[in-house]
Protein backbone atom coordinates (compact mmCIF):
# COMPACT_ATOMS: atom_id res chain seq x y z
CA MET A 1 5.57 -15.44 9.78
CA LYS A 2 8.11 -18.37 9.20
CA VAL A 3 8.73 -20.80 11.96
CA ALA A 4 11.56 -23.43 11.56
CA ILE A 5 11.55 -27.08 12.59
CA ILE A 6 14.06 -28.93 14.68
CA GLY A 7 14.88 -31.62 16.96
CA THR A 8 16.79 -34.83 17.24
CA PRO A 9 16.96 -37.40 14.50
CA GLU A 10 14.12 -40.01 14.69
CA SER A 11 12.07 -37.53 16.64
CA GLY A 12 9.14 -37.17 14.35
CA LYS A 13 10.05 -33.84 12.77
CA THR A 14 8.71 -34.51 8.98
CA THR A 15 5.79 -36.40 10.87
CA ILE A 16 4.91 -32.90 12.69
CA PHE A 17 5.53 -30.83 9.23
CA ASN A 18 2.95 -32.84 7.34
CA ALA A 19 0.80 -32.67 9.92
CA LEU A 20 0.91 -28.80 10.26
CA THR A 21 0.88 -28.32 6.62
CA ARG A 22 -1.12 -31.19 5.48
CA GLY A 23 1.79 -31.99 3.33
CA LYS A 24 3.02 -35.34 1.90
CA ALA A 25 6.82 -35.25 2.50
CA GLU A 26 8.50 -38.45 2.86
CA VAL A 27 9.07 -39.50 6.41
CA ALA A 28 12.97 -41.13 6.38
CA ALA A 29 15.85 -41.48 8.42
CA TYR A 30 17.89 -38.47 8.80
CA SER A 31 20.76 -37.72 6.00
CA PRO A 32 22.64 -34.85 6.07
CA THR A 33 22.15 -34.32 2.15
CA LEU A 34 18.41 -33.97 2.70
CA ALA A 35 17.05 -30.13 1.83
CA PRO A 36 14.54 -28.91 4.13
CA ASN A 37 10.83 -29.35 3.20
CA THR A 38 8.60 -26.11 3.17
CA GLY A 39 4.90 -25.79 3.22
CA VAL A 40 2.55 -23.50 4.09
CA ALA A 41 -0.49 -23.72 6.26
CA LYS A 42 -3.68 -21.73 6.24
CA VAL A 43 -4.04 -19.93 9.90
CA PRO A 44 -7.47 -21.02 11.18
CA ASP A 45 -9.65 -17.96 11.67
CA SER A 46 -13.51 -18.17 12.59
CA ARG A 47 -13.65 -14.70 12.60
CA LEU A 48 -13.56 -14.97 8.66
CA SER A 49 -16.54 -17.01 8.39
CA VAL A 50 -18.68 -14.53 9.89
CA LEU A 51 -17.06 -11.60 8.16
CA GLU A 52 -17.93 -13.90 4.79
CA GLY A 53 -21.61 -13.54 6.23
CA ILE A 54 -21.54 -9.73 6.19
CA PHE A 55 -19.36 -8.92 2.78
CA HIS A 56 -20.18 -12.03 0.59
CA PRO A 57 -16.74 -11.73 -0.72
CA LYS A 58 -15.81 -13.88 -3.95
CA LYS A 59 -12.40 -14.69 -2.22
CA ILE A 60 -11.51 -15.60 1.31
CA VAL A 61 -7.54 -15.40 1.78
CA PRO A 62 -6.90 -16.69 5.42
CA ALA A 63 -3.52 -15.57 7.05
CA GLU A 64 -0.15 -18.11 6.03
CA VAL A 65 2.51 -19.68 8.12
CA SER A 66 5.37 -20.94 6.59
CA TYR A 67 6.97 -23.99 8.15
CA LEU A 68 10.60 -25.17 7.35
CA ASP A 69 11.31 -29.05 8.14
CA ILE A 70 15.20 -28.92 8.89
CA ALA A 71 16.62 -32.35 7.89
CA GLY A 72 19.68 -31.70 9.70
CA SER A 73 20.75 -32.99 13.33
CA ILE A 74 20.80 -30.84 16.04
CA LYS A 75 24.48 -31.25 16.44
CA GLY A 76 26.95 -28.96 14.84
CA PHE A 77 25.11 -25.72 14.01
CA GLY A 78 27.50 -22.82 13.22
CA LYS A 79 30.19 -25.04 11.59
CA GLU A 80 31.48 -25.70 8.49
CA GLY A 81 29.67 -28.07 6.31
CA PRO A 82 25.99 -29.20 6.67
CA GLY A 83 25.94 -27.71 10.17
CA GLY A 84 26.46 -24.55 8.83
CA GLU A 85 24.05 -24.84 5.92
CA PHE A 86 21.13 -25.69 8.50
CA LEU A 87 22.09 -22.53 10.54
CA ASN A 88 21.73 -20.34 7.49
CA TYR A 89 17.94 -21.46 7.15
CA LEU A 90 17.46 -21.20 11.03
CA THR A 91 18.70 -17.57 10.97
CA THR A 92 15.89 -16.86 8.66
CA ALA A 93 13.04 -18.26 10.69
CA ASP A 94 10.84 -15.80 13.20
CA ALA A 95 10.32 -18.83 15.46
CA LEU A 96 11.79 -22.20 16.42
CA LEU A 97 9.67 -25.15 16.87
CA GLN A 98 11.25 -28.08 18.48
CA VAL A 99 10.00 -31.89 18.33
CA VAL A 100 10.93 -33.80 21.28
CA ARG A 101 10.56 -37.15 20.98
CA ALA A 102 8.28 -38.65 23.80
CA PHE A 103 7.12 -41.87 22.04
CA GLU A 104 8.06 -45.35 22.39
CA ASP A 105 8.77 -47.50 19.22
CA ASP A 106 11.13 -50.20 19.13
CA LYS A 107 11.59 -50.13 15.30
CA VAL A 108 12.77 -46.60 15.42
CA PRO A 109 15.48 -46.46 18.24
CA HIS A 110 16.35 -43.14 19.51
CA PRO A 111 20.07 -42.16 18.54
CA GLU A 112 20.74 -41.63 22.57
CA GLY A 113 19.36 -44.98 23.11
CA SER A 114 16.39 -44.14 25.66
CA ILE A 115 13.61 -41.67 25.60
CA ASP A 116 14.34 -38.68 27.60
CA PRO A 117 12.29 -35.43 26.52
CA LYS A 118 14.58 -33.52 29.38
CA ARG A 119 17.57 -34.81 27.85
CA ASP A 120 17.15 -34.04 24.35
CA ILE A 121 15.76 -30.45 25.17
CA ALA A 122 18.49 -29.19 27.37
CA SER A 123 20.87 -30.97 24.50
CA LEU A 124 19.71 -28.69 21.86
CA ASP A 125 19.54 -25.40 24.08
CA LEU A 126 23.30 -26.44 24.31
CA GLU A 127 23.65 -26.76 20.89
CA LEU A 128 21.88 -23.49 20.42
CA ALA A 129 24.03 -21.57 22.53
CA ILE A 130 27.16 -22.87 21.20
CA SER A 131 26.13 -21.80 17.95
CA ASP A 132 25.32 -18.15 19.36
CA LEU A 133 28.76 -18.21 21.23
CA THR A 134 30.69 -19.33 18.02
CA ILE A 135 29.12 -15.87 16.18
CA LEU A 136 29.85 -13.71 19.24
CA GLU A 137 33.31 -14.73 19.44
CA LYS A 138 34.10 -14.04 15.68
CA ARG A 139 32.42 -10.86 15.98
CA LEU A 140 34.28 -9.69 19.11
CA ASP A 141 37.54 -10.54 17.43
CA LYS A 142 36.89 -8.39 14.28
CA LEU A 143 35.81 -5.50 16.58
CA GLU A 144 39.42 -5.39 18.29
CA PRO A 145 41.12 -4.00 14.88
CA SER A 146 38.24 -1.89 13.99
CA LEU A 147 38.67 -0.12 17.48
CA LYS A 148 42.35 0.74 16.77
CA GLY A 149 41.51 2.50 13.47
CA ALA A 150 38.26 3.71 14.21
CA LYS A 151 37.54 7.59 14.15
CA ALA A 152 35.61 9.21 17.27
CA ALA A 153 32.23 8.80 15.96
CA GLU A 154 32.74 5.16 14.67
CA ARG A 155 35.06 4.18 17.95
CA GLU A 156 31.72 5.06 20.32
CA PHE A 157 29.33 2.89 18.31
CA TYR A 158 32.18 0.18 18.00
CA LEU A 159 32.49 0.24 21.94
CA LYS A 160 28.96 0.38 22.50
CA GLU A 161 28.57 -2.85 20.22
CA GLN A 162 31.34 -4.61 22.10
CA LEU A 163 30.30 -4.18 25.67
CA LEU A 164 26.72 -5.36 24.49
CA LEU A 165 28.45 -8.69 23.03
CA GLN A 166 30.56 -9.19 26.00
CA LYS A 167 27.79 -9.21 28.58
CA VAL A 168 25.63 -11.48 26.40
CA LYS A 169 28.33 -13.70 25.68
CA ALA A 170 29.14 -13.84 29.46
CA GLU A 171 25.37 -14.53 30.37
CA LEU A 172 25.52 -17.29 27.61
CA GLU A 173 28.11 -18.85 29.11
CA ARG A 174 26.38 -18.95 32.41
CA ASP A 175 23.93 -21.25 30.40
CA ILE A 176 21.29 -17.93 30.35
CA PRO A 177 19.78 -17.89 26.41
CA ILE A 178 19.42 -14.39 25.11
CA ARG A 179 15.50 -14.29 25.53
CA LEU A 180 15.98 -14.61 28.84
CA GLN A 181 18.85 -12.01 29.45
CA GLY A 182 16.40 -9.18 29.89
CA LEU A 183 17.70 -6.97 27.40
CA SER A 184 16.26 -3.78 26.49
CA LYS A 185 14.49 -2.63 22.96
CA GLU A 186 17.48 -0.96 22.21
CA GLU A 187 19.88 -3.69 22.74
CA MET A 188 17.59 -6.41 20.91
CA LYS A 189 17.54 -4.27 18.31
CA MET A 190 21.28 -3.77 18.14
CA LEU A 191 21.44 -7.99 18.21
CA ALA A 192 18.83 -8.17 15.39
CA ASN A 193 21.05 -8.57 12.30
CA TYR A 194 22.74 -11.26 13.94
CA GLN A 195 19.90 -13.32 14.03
CA PHE A 196 20.82 -15.34 17.39
CA LEU A 197 19.06 -18.72 17.85
CA THR A 198 18.37 -18.36 21.49
CA ALA A 199 16.74 -15.11 20.87
CA LYS A 200 14.09 -16.38 19.18
CA PRO A 201 10.65 -17.59 20.76
CA MET A 202 10.60 -21.39 21.19
CA LEU A 203 7.56 -23.40 20.88
CA VAL A 204 8.22 -27.23 22.22
CA ILE A 205 6.02 -30.08 20.59
CA LEU A 206 6.05 -33.38 22.81
CA ASN A 207 5.54 -36.06 19.95
CA ILE A 208 3.91 -38.75 21.96
CA GLY A 209 2.21 -41.96 21.17
CA GLU A 210 -1.42 -42.63 20.85
CA GLU A 211 -1.40 -44.70 24.06
CA GLN A 212 -0.18 -41.57 26.11
CA ILE A 213 -3.05 -38.98 24.60
CA LEU A 214 -4.75 -39.51 27.91
CA GLN A 215 -1.48 -37.91 29.82
CA ALA A 216 -0.57 -35.00 27.23
CA SER A 217 -1.84 -32.45 29.55
CA LYS A 218 0.10 -33.72 32.34
CA LEU A 219 3.46 -34.35 30.33
CA GLU A 220 2.89 -30.50 29.14
CA SER A 221 2.68 -29.47 32.48
CA GLU A 222 5.84 -31.14 33.50
CA ILE A 223 8.16 -29.64 30.69
CA SER A 224 6.51 -26.17 30.88
CA SER A 225 7.44 -26.16 34.79
CA LEU A 226 11.00 -26.78 33.50
CA TYR A 227 11.03 -24.36 30.78
CA PRO A 228 8.42 -21.85 31.38
CA GLN A 229 9.94 -19.88 28.72
CA PHE A 230 8.68 -22.16 25.93
CA ALA A 231 5.33 -22.55 24.65
CA VAL A 232 4.64 -26.69 25.02
CA VAL A 233 2.21 -28.91 23.45
CA ALA A 234 1.90 -32.42 23.78
CA LEU A 235 0.66 -34.07 20.50
CA CYS A 236 0.48 -37.53 18.80
CA GLY A 237 2.29 -36.47 15.32
CA LYS A 238 1.45 -39.65 13.73
CA LEU A 239 -2.48 -39.56 14.25
CA GLU A 240 -2.41 -35.77 13.62
CA MET A 241 -0.69 -36.35 10.45
CA GLU A 242 -2.91 -39.39 9.12
CA LEU A 243 -6.15 -36.66 10.75
CA ALA A 244 -4.43 -33.84 8.10
CA GLN A 245 -5.32 -36.15 4.77
CA LEU A 246 -8.91 -36.98 5.64
CA SER A 247 -11.37 -34.40 5.09
CA ASP A 248 -12.54 -31.59 8.06
CA ALA A 249 -15.45 -33.65 8.66
CA GLU A 250 -14.09 -37.10 8.86
CA ALA A 251 -11.27 -35.45 11.04
CA ARG A 252 -13.63 -34.01 13.39
CA GLU A 253 -15.68 -36.52 13.64
CA PHE A 254 -12.49 -39.04 14.62
CA ARG A 255 -11.27 -36.43 17.05
CA GLU A 256 -14.54 -36.37 19.00
CA THR A 257 -14.42 -40.33 19.40
CA MET A 258 -10.46 -39.95 20.35
CA GLY A 259 -11.58 -37.24 23.07
CA LEU A 260 -9.07 -34.87 20.79
CA SER A 261 -9.64 -31.05 21.23
CA LYS A 262 -8.34 -28.71 18.71
CA PRO A 263 -6.27 -29.94 15.64
CA ALA A 264 -2.97 -29.76 16.18
CA LEU A 265 -2.61 -26.77 13.50
CA ASP A 266 -4.97 -24.90 15.38
CA ARG A 267 -3.16 -25.14 18.75
CA VAL A 268 0.39 -24.78 17.40
CA ILE A 269 -0.65 -21.64 15.52
CA GLU A 270 -2.26 -20.07 18.44
CA LEU A 271 1.12 -20.49 20.68
CA SER A 272 2.93 -19.41 17.91
CA TYR A 273 0.96 -15.99 17.60
CA SER A 274 1.37 -15.46 21.58
CA LEU A 275 4.90 -16.32 21.41
CA LEU A 276 5.69 -13.75 18.57
CA GLY A 277 2.94 -11.20 19.87
CA LEU A 278 1.11 -11.03 16.47
CA ILE A 279 -2.25 -10.08 15.78
CA SER A 280 -4.59 -9.92 12.60
CA PHE A 281 -6.79 -7.57 10.86
CA PHE A 282 -8.83 -7.57 8.00
CA THR A 283 -9.24 -5.93 4.62
CA THR A 284 -12.27 -6.12 2.23
CA VAL A 285 -10.91 -5.17 -1.36
CA SER A 286 -12.33 -6.01 -4.94
CA SER A 287 -14.38 -8.69 -3.58
CA GLU A 288 -11.46 -10.25 -1.41
CA LEU A 289 -11.62 -10.86 2.24
CA LYS A 290 -8.47 -11.09 3.40
CA ALA A 291 -6.67 -11.58 6.95
CA TRP A 292 -3.21 -10.12 7.64
CA THR A 293 -0.76 -10.39 10.28
CA VAL A 294 1.52 -8.02 11.68
CA PRO A 295 3.32 -7.61 15.30
CA ALA A 296 0.98 -6.19 18.24
CA GLY A 297 1.46 -2.55 18.68
CA THR A 298 2.02 -1.73 14.96
CA PRO A 299 1.19 1.59 13.75
CA VAL A 300 -1.52 1.76 11.12
CA PRO A 301 0.90 3.05 8.31
CA LYS A 302 3.07 0.26 8.85
CA ALA A 303 0.03 -2.10 8.81
CA ALA A 304 -0.63 -0.53 5.35
CA GLY A 305 2.66 -1.47 4.33
CA LYS A 306 2.41 -5.20 5.09
CA ILE A 307 -0.04 -4.74 2.09
CA HIS A 308 1.90 -2.57 -0.50
CA SER A 309 4.56 -0.23 0.28
CA ASP A 310 3.13 2.59 -2.01
CA MET A 311 0.46 2.44 0.64
CA GLU A 312 2.55 3.28 3.75
CA ARG A 313 4.39 5.56 1.72
CA GLY A 314 1.07 7.56 0.57
CA PHE A 315 -0.95 6.84 3.74
CA ILE A 316 -3.79 9.42 4.16
CA ARG A 317 -5.62 7.79 6.68
CA ALA A 318 -7.60 4.58 7.57
CA GLU A 319 -11.57 3.67 8.03
CA VAL A 320 -11.67 1.14 11.10
CA VAL A 321 -14.33 -0.95 12.65
CA SER A 322 -13.28 -3.53 15.17
CA TYR A 323 -14.88 -6.86 14.18
CA GLY A 324 -17.03 -7.44 17.76
CA ASP A 325 -18.89 -4.10 16.58
CA LEU A 326 -19.18 -5.10 12.99
CA GLU A 327 -20.37 -8.54 13.95
CA SER A 328 -22.81 -7.05 16.35
CA CYS A 329 -23.96 -4.51 13.76
CA GLY A 330 -23.98 -6.94 10.96
CA SER A 331 -22.95 -4.27 8.26
CA LEU A 332 -20.67 -1.37 7.41
CA ALA A 333 -23.69 0.66 6.74
CA GLU A 334 -25.28 0.09 10.22
CA ALA A 335 -21.58 0.56 11.83
CA ARG A 336 -21.19 3.80 10.11
CA LYS A 337 -24.74 4.69 11.45
CA ARG A 338 -24.19 4.00 15.25
CA GLY A 339 -20.63 5.89 14.95
CA LEU A 340 -18.57 2.78 15.49
CA LEU A 341 -16.91 3.03 12.04
CA ARG A 342 -14.03 5.35 12.76
CA THR A 343 -11.41 7.78 10.87
CA GLU A 344 -7.97 7.10 12.44
CA GLY A 345 -4.73 8.87 11.50
CA LYS A 346 -0.92 7.96 11.10
CA HIS A 347 -0.42 7.72 15.17
CA TYR A 348 -3.30 4.84 15.40
CA ILE A 349 -1.95 1.48 16.61
CA ILE A 350 -3.97 -1.57 14.98
CA GLN A 351 -5.75 -3.91 17.23
CA ASP A 352 -6.35 -7.57 16.69
CA GLY A 353 -9.60 -7.91 14.55
CA ASP A 354 -9.93 -4.40 12.98
CA VAL A 355 -11.47 -4.41 9.40
CA VAL A 356 -9.55 -1.60 7.60
CA THR A 357 -9.72 0.47 4.45
CA PHE A 358 -6.69 2.52 4.11
CA LEU A 359 -7.23 5.66 1.88
CA PHE A 360 -3.22 6.63 0.07
CA ASN A 361 -2.18 8.50 -2.62
CA VAL A 362 1.10 8.27 -4.61
């Protein structure tokens, strides 16, 4: 899973990036020449520790989330120059994480002169929509000559694409992002190659000051009521960045004294998974316990392909036990004895927490 971090300059994007990835990227003023910061975060999953006690693996590999800290301003996505370069980074992301400034700091003035999270969210929404409209208009312009010279079969396809793009464009011009246009699965599949930004799931992080921590839930509710389509979390980026540099035990102790709950990483990943409809399954091969991430509804051969394309191509069957059943049994042998270790064919849909052994032949 790849998540691109965006927002206005001076909102604390790099601070949030460091908090999520335990990174040490320089927190500096915005520059259009800065390349994105990239980092990987291990997905926290308490089930791995339980499975470790059952399988005693030599190595444990959690699932991972890649974060991309985009240095560019939200202004000018889709245009030539820096805006176009930043757009290229965004289109490869599975989801967007918008950092919205809610903290006050006289030493770091807001580019707009005041702190207004609602204004900033609306501004970014507009820029993303403008970017999508630019792409739509360019494609619609190219479709006209293509339709004139197309053969019958091609013409039908082009007409279908033209009608869909015109419909999407009309809704965008009414300030309705693609993710809220109620498009069918087939229509979304037709649009997939365009990588429209307003079609991507959006997670909003309200970057608050330490003095606002007790108001975090209230601030989250205010923004969620205005933007129910977004996942919203309020956290103090500066504090979370500092905690990310401590040991787990030290960070836990400090959180308890501050009245904080989960680490920023845990909360953000949980919301990201929910937004994208993702689940995790586990494998144990060659003394390695590993977590894998796939979309909910993934058939078991596709899940095998996540590990290696040969496994999908030569899939025969899978031995599957649910995490809950394995935890209660305490071992694979006991799960097999109770009839809870199942053999599943190619039509089985992977479930969250499945522990799977794939059988294949190529």
